[in-house]
Every structure is written in C-alpha cells, then in structure tokens.
N, C-alpha and C. Protein backbone atom coordinates (compact mmCIF):
# COMPACT_ATOMS: atom_id res chain seq x y z
N MET A 1 0.84 -1.18 0.00
CA MET A 1 0.00 0.00 0.00
C MET A 1 0.89 1.24 0.00
N THR A 2 0.59 2.16 -0.88
CA THR A 2 1.39 3.38 -0.95
C THR A 2 0.77 4.46 -0.08
N THR A 3 1.61 5.30 0.44
CA THR A 3 1.15 6.42 1.25
C THR A 3 0.81 7.58 0.34
N PRO A 4 -0.38 8.17 0.51
CA PRO A 4 -0.72 9.32 -0.34
C PRO A 4 0.24 10.48 -0.09
N VAL A 5 0.57 11.16 -1.15
CA VAL A 5 1.48 12.30 -1.07
C VAL A 5 0.66 13.57 -1.10
N ASP A 6 0.99 14.49 -0.21
CA ASP A 6 0.29 15.78 -0.18
C ASP A 6 1.00 16.72 -1.15
N HIS A 7 0.36 16.97 -2.28
CA HIS A 7 0.96 17.82 -3.30
C HIS A 7 0.71 19.30 -3.05
N THR A 8 0.04 19.63 -1.94
CA THR A 8 -0.12 21.05 -1.63
C THR A 8 1.23 21.68 -1.32
N LEU A 9 2.22 20.84 -0.97
CA LEU A 9 3.57 21.36 -0.76
C LEU A 9 4.11 21.97 -2.05
N ASP A 10 3.79 21.35 -3.20
CA ASP A 10 4.21 21.90 -4.49
C ASP A 10 3.63 23.30 -4.68
N ILE A 11 2.37 23.47 -4.31
CA ILE A 11 1.71 24.77 -4.44
C ILE A 11 2.35 25.77 -3.48
N SER A 12 2.59 25.34 -2.25
CA SER A 12 3.20 26.23 -1.27
C SER A 12 4.59 26.68 -1.70
N LEU A 13 5.37 25.75 -2.23
CA LEU A 13 6.72 26.09 -2.68
C LEU A 13 6.67 27.08 -3.84
N ALA A 14 5.83 26.80 -4.83
CA ALA A 14 5.72 27.69 -5.99
C ALA A 14 5.20 29.06 -5.58
N SER A 15 4.23 29.07 -4.69
CA SER A 15 3.66 30.33 -4.21
C SER A 15 4.70 31.15 -3.44
N GLY A 16 5.47 30.47 -2.62
CA GLY A 16 6.52 31.14 -1.85
C GLY A 16 7.61 31.72 -2.74
N GLN A 17 7.99 30.97 -3.76
CA GLN A 17 9.01 31.47 -4.68
C GLN A 17 8.51 32.70 -5.42
N LEU A 18 7.26 32.67 -5.85
CA LEU A 18 6.69 33.82 -6.56
C LEU A 18 6.59 35.03 -5.63
N ALA A 19 6.12 34.81 -4.41
CA ALA A 19 5.99 35.92 -3.46
C ALA A 19 7.35 36.54 -3.15
N ALA A 20 8.36 35.69 -2.95
CA ALA A 20 9.70 36.21 -2.65
C ALA A 20 10.26 37.00 -3.83
N ALA A 21 10.06 36.49 -5.03
CA ALA A 21 10.56 37.20 -6.21
C ALA A 21 9.88 38.55 -6.35
N ARG A 22 8.58 38.58 -6.13
CA ARG A 22 7.86 39.85 -6.25
C ARG A 22 8.28 40.84 -5.16
N ARG A 23 8.55 40.31 -3.98
CA ARG A 23 8.92 41.21 -2.88
C ARG A 23 10.34 41.73 -3.02
N TRP A 24 11.28 40.83 -3.29
CA TRP A 24 12.69 41.21 -3.27
C TRP A 24 13.23 41.65 -4.63
N HIS A 25 12.53 41.31 -5.69
CA HIS A 25 12.97 41.67 -7.04
C HIS A 25 11.76 42.13 -7.85
N PRO A 26 11.14 43.24 -7.47
CA PRO A 26 9.88 43.65 -8.09
C PRO A 26 9.99 43.97 -9.59
N ASP A 27 11.18 44.24 -10.07
CA ASP A 27 11.34 44.57 -11.49
C ASP A 27 11.67 43.35 -12.36
N THR A 28 11.75 42.18 -11.74
CA THR A 28 12.10 40.95 -12.45
C THR A 28 10.85 40.33 -13.08
N ASP A 29 11.03 39.72 -14.25
CA ASP A 29 9.94 39.00 -14.92
C ASP A 29 9.62 37.75 -14.11
N THR A 30 8.38 37.64 -13.65
CA THR A 30 7.97 36.50 -12.83
C THR A 30 7.04 35.55 -13.59
N SER A 31 6.98 35.68 -14.90
CA SER A 31 6.04 34.86 -15.66
C SER A 31 6.32 33.36 -15.52
N ALA A 32 7.58 32.96 -15.44
CA ALA A 32 7.90 31.54 -15.27
C ALA A 32 7.43 31.05 -13.90
N LEU A 33 7.60 31.87 -12.88
CA LEU A 33 7.15 31.49 -11.54
C LEU A 33 5.62 31.44 -11.47
N GLU A 34 4.97 32.37 -12.16
CA GLU A 34 3.50 32.35 -12.22
C GLU A 34 3.01 31.09 -12.92
N ARG A 35 3.70 30.71 -13.99
CA ARG A 35 3.35 29.49 -14.71
C ARG A 35 3.56 28.27 -13.83
N ASN A 36 4.67 28.23 -13.08
CA ASN A 36 4.93 27.10 -12.18
C ASN A 36 3.82 26.96 -11.14
N LEU A 37 3.36 28.08 -10.60
CA LEU A 37 2.29 28.05 -9.62
C LEU A 37 1.00 27.55 -10.26
N ALA A 38 0.69 28.01 -11.44
CA ALA A 38 -0.52 27.56 -12.14
C ALA A 38 -0.45 26.06 -12.41
N VAL A 39 0.70 25.57 -12.84
CA VAL A 39 0.86 24.14 -13.11
C VAL A 39 0.68 23.33 -11.83
N ALA A 40 1.25 23.80 -10.73
CA ALA A 40 1.10 23.09 -9.45
C ALA A 40 -0.37 23.04 -9.03
N ARG A 41 -1.08 24.14 -9.20
CA ARG A 41 -2.51 24.17 -8.83
C ARG A 41 -3.33 23.24 -9.71
N ILE A 42 -3.09 23.29 -11.02
CA ILE A 42 -3.83 22.44 -11.95
C ILE A 42 -3.54 20.97 -11.67
N ALA A 43 -2.27 20.64 -11.47
CA ALA A 43 -1.89 19.25 -11.21
C ALA A 43 -2.51 18.74 -9.92
N ASN A 44 -2.52 19.58 -8.89
CA ASN A 44 -3.12 19.18 -7.62
C ASN A 44 -4.61 18.92 -7.78
N TYR A 45 -5.29 19.81 -8.48
CA TYR A 45 -6.73 19.64 -8.70
C TYR A 45 -7.01 18.40 -9.54
N ALA A 46 -6.22 18.18 -10.57
CA ALA A 46 -6.41 17.01 -11.43
C ALA A 46 -6.23 15.72 -10.63
N ARG A 47 -5.23 15.69 -9.76
CA ARG A 47 -5.02 14.50 -8.92
C ARG A 47 -6.24 14.23 -8.04
N LYS A 48 -6.79 15.29 -7.44
CA LYS A 48 -7.96 15.12 -6.58
C LYS A 48 -9.15 14.59 -7.36
N VAL A 49 -9.41 15.15 -8.53
CA VAL A 49 -10.55 14.72 -9.35
C VAL A 49 -10.34 13.29 -9.84
N LEU A 50 -9.15 12.99 -10.33
CA LEU A 50 -8.89 11.67 -10.90
C LEU A 50 -8.87 10.56 -9.85
N ALA A 51 -8.64 10.91 -8.59
CA ALA A 51 -8.63 9.91 -7.53
C ALA A 51 -9.99 9.25 -7.37
N ASP A 52 -11.06 9.98 -7.70
CA ASP A 52 -12.42 9.47 -7.54
C ASP A 52 -13.10 9.19 -8.88
N THR A 53 -12.32 9.08 -9.93
CA THR A 53 -12.86 8.91 -11.28
C THR A 53 -12.51 7.53 -11.81
N PRO A 54 -13.44 6.88 -12.51
CA PRO A 54 -13.07 5.61 -13.15
C PRO A 54 -12.00 5.87 -14.21
N PRO A 55 -11.30 4.82 -14.63
CA PRO A 55 -10.26 5.01 -15.64
C PRO A 55 -10.79 5.75 -16.88
N LEU A 56 -9.99 6.67 -17.36
CA LEU A 56 -10.38 7.46 -18.52
C LEU A 56 -10.12 6.69 -19.82
N GLU A 57 -10.97 6.92 -20.77
CA GLU A 57 -10.82 6.33 -22.10
C GLU A 57 -9.83 7.18 -22.91
N PRO A 58 -9.23 6.62 -23.94
CA PRO A 58 -8.30 7.40 -24.77
C PRO A 58 -8.93 8.68 -25.32
N GLU A 59 -10.22 8.64 -25.64
CA GLU A 59 -10.90 9.83 -26.15
C GLU A 59 -10.95 10.93 -25.09
N ASP A 60 -11.15 10.50 -23.83
CA ASP A 60 -11.18 11.46 -22.73
C ASP A 60 -9.82 12.13 -22.57
N LEU A 61 -8.78 11.32 -22.65
CA LEU A 61 -7.42 11.85 -22.52
C LEU A 61 -7.10 12.81 -23.66
N ASP A 62 -7.54 12.46 -24.87
CA ASP A 62 -7.33 13.35 -26.02
C ASP A 62 -8.02 14.69 -25.79
N ARG A 63 -9.23 14.64 -25.28
CA ARG A 63 -10.00 15.87 -25.02
C ARG A 63 -9.30 16.74 -23.98
N LEU A 64 -8.82 16.11 -22.91
CA LEU A 64 -8.11 16.87 -21.88
C LEU A 64 -6.80 17.44 -22.41
N GLN A 65 -6.12 16.66 -23.23
CA GLN A 65 -4.87 17.14 -23.83
C GLN A 65 -5.13 18.36 -24.70
N ASP A 66 -6.21 18.32 -25.47
CA ASP A 66 -6.56 19.47 -26.31
C ASP A 66 -6.80 20.72 -25.47
N ILE A 67 -7.48 20.55 -24.34
CA ILE A 67 -7.74 21.69 -23.45
C ILE A 67 -6.43 22.26 -22.91
N LEU A 68 -5.55 21.38 -22.46
CA LEU A 68 -4.28 21.83 -21.90
C LEU A 68 -3.41 22.51 -22.95
N GLN A 69 -3.38 21.95 -24.14
CA GLN A 69 -2.55 22.54 -25.19
C GLN A 69 -3.08 23.89 -25.64
N ALA A 70 -4.39 24.08 -25.57
CA ALA A 70 -4.98 25.37 -25.96
C ALA A 70 -4.84 26.40 -24.84
N GLY A 71 -4.35 25.98 -23.70
CA GLY A 71 -4.19 26.92 -22.59
C GLY A 71 -5.53 27.35 -22.01
N GLY A 72 -6.53 26.53 -22.16
CA GLY A 72 -7.84 26.86 -21.63
C GLY A 72 -8.69 27.69 -22.56
N ALA A 73 -8.13 28.16 -23.66
CA ALA A 73 -8.90 28.96 -24.62
C ALA A 73 -9.94 28.08 -25.30
N ARG A 74 -11.08 28.67 -25.58
CA ARG A 74 -12.15 27.89 -26.24
C ARG A 74 -12.20 28.19 -27.70
C-alpha cells in the first residue's frame, strides 16, 4: 500500500518562490514562476478529481490534452 502524497507542498513552494521574487525583485519578470504556480494548482486539482474517477478512455485523454494545449482557450 502506498502512502498518499500531499501535493499542496508543491503549491506552497511555488507560491513562496513567486511571493519572494515579487517582494525582493519587483522589477524581475515572474512569468515563469506564475506558470509554475498555475501548473502546481492544476496538477493538484487534477489529482484530486482523478482519484475518484473511473479510468479514462483514450478519447477522454485526447480531449483533456486538447484543453491543456490550448491553454484553456475555447
């Protein structure tokens, strides 16, 4: 039996890095850190949803991949 991993640490780490960069280096481009935080949040949410979901079909995965590649744009 595997022990569940709390991925909120990923969110906390990314959030802390972004906050520190904004505080101590306000003129620095933080877009990569913002992206890292967004990825951590999306991944955490996906893990929670998929934990209670039956196995996805290839068509479902293709649909989700399309959404991710489009960046959420419709």
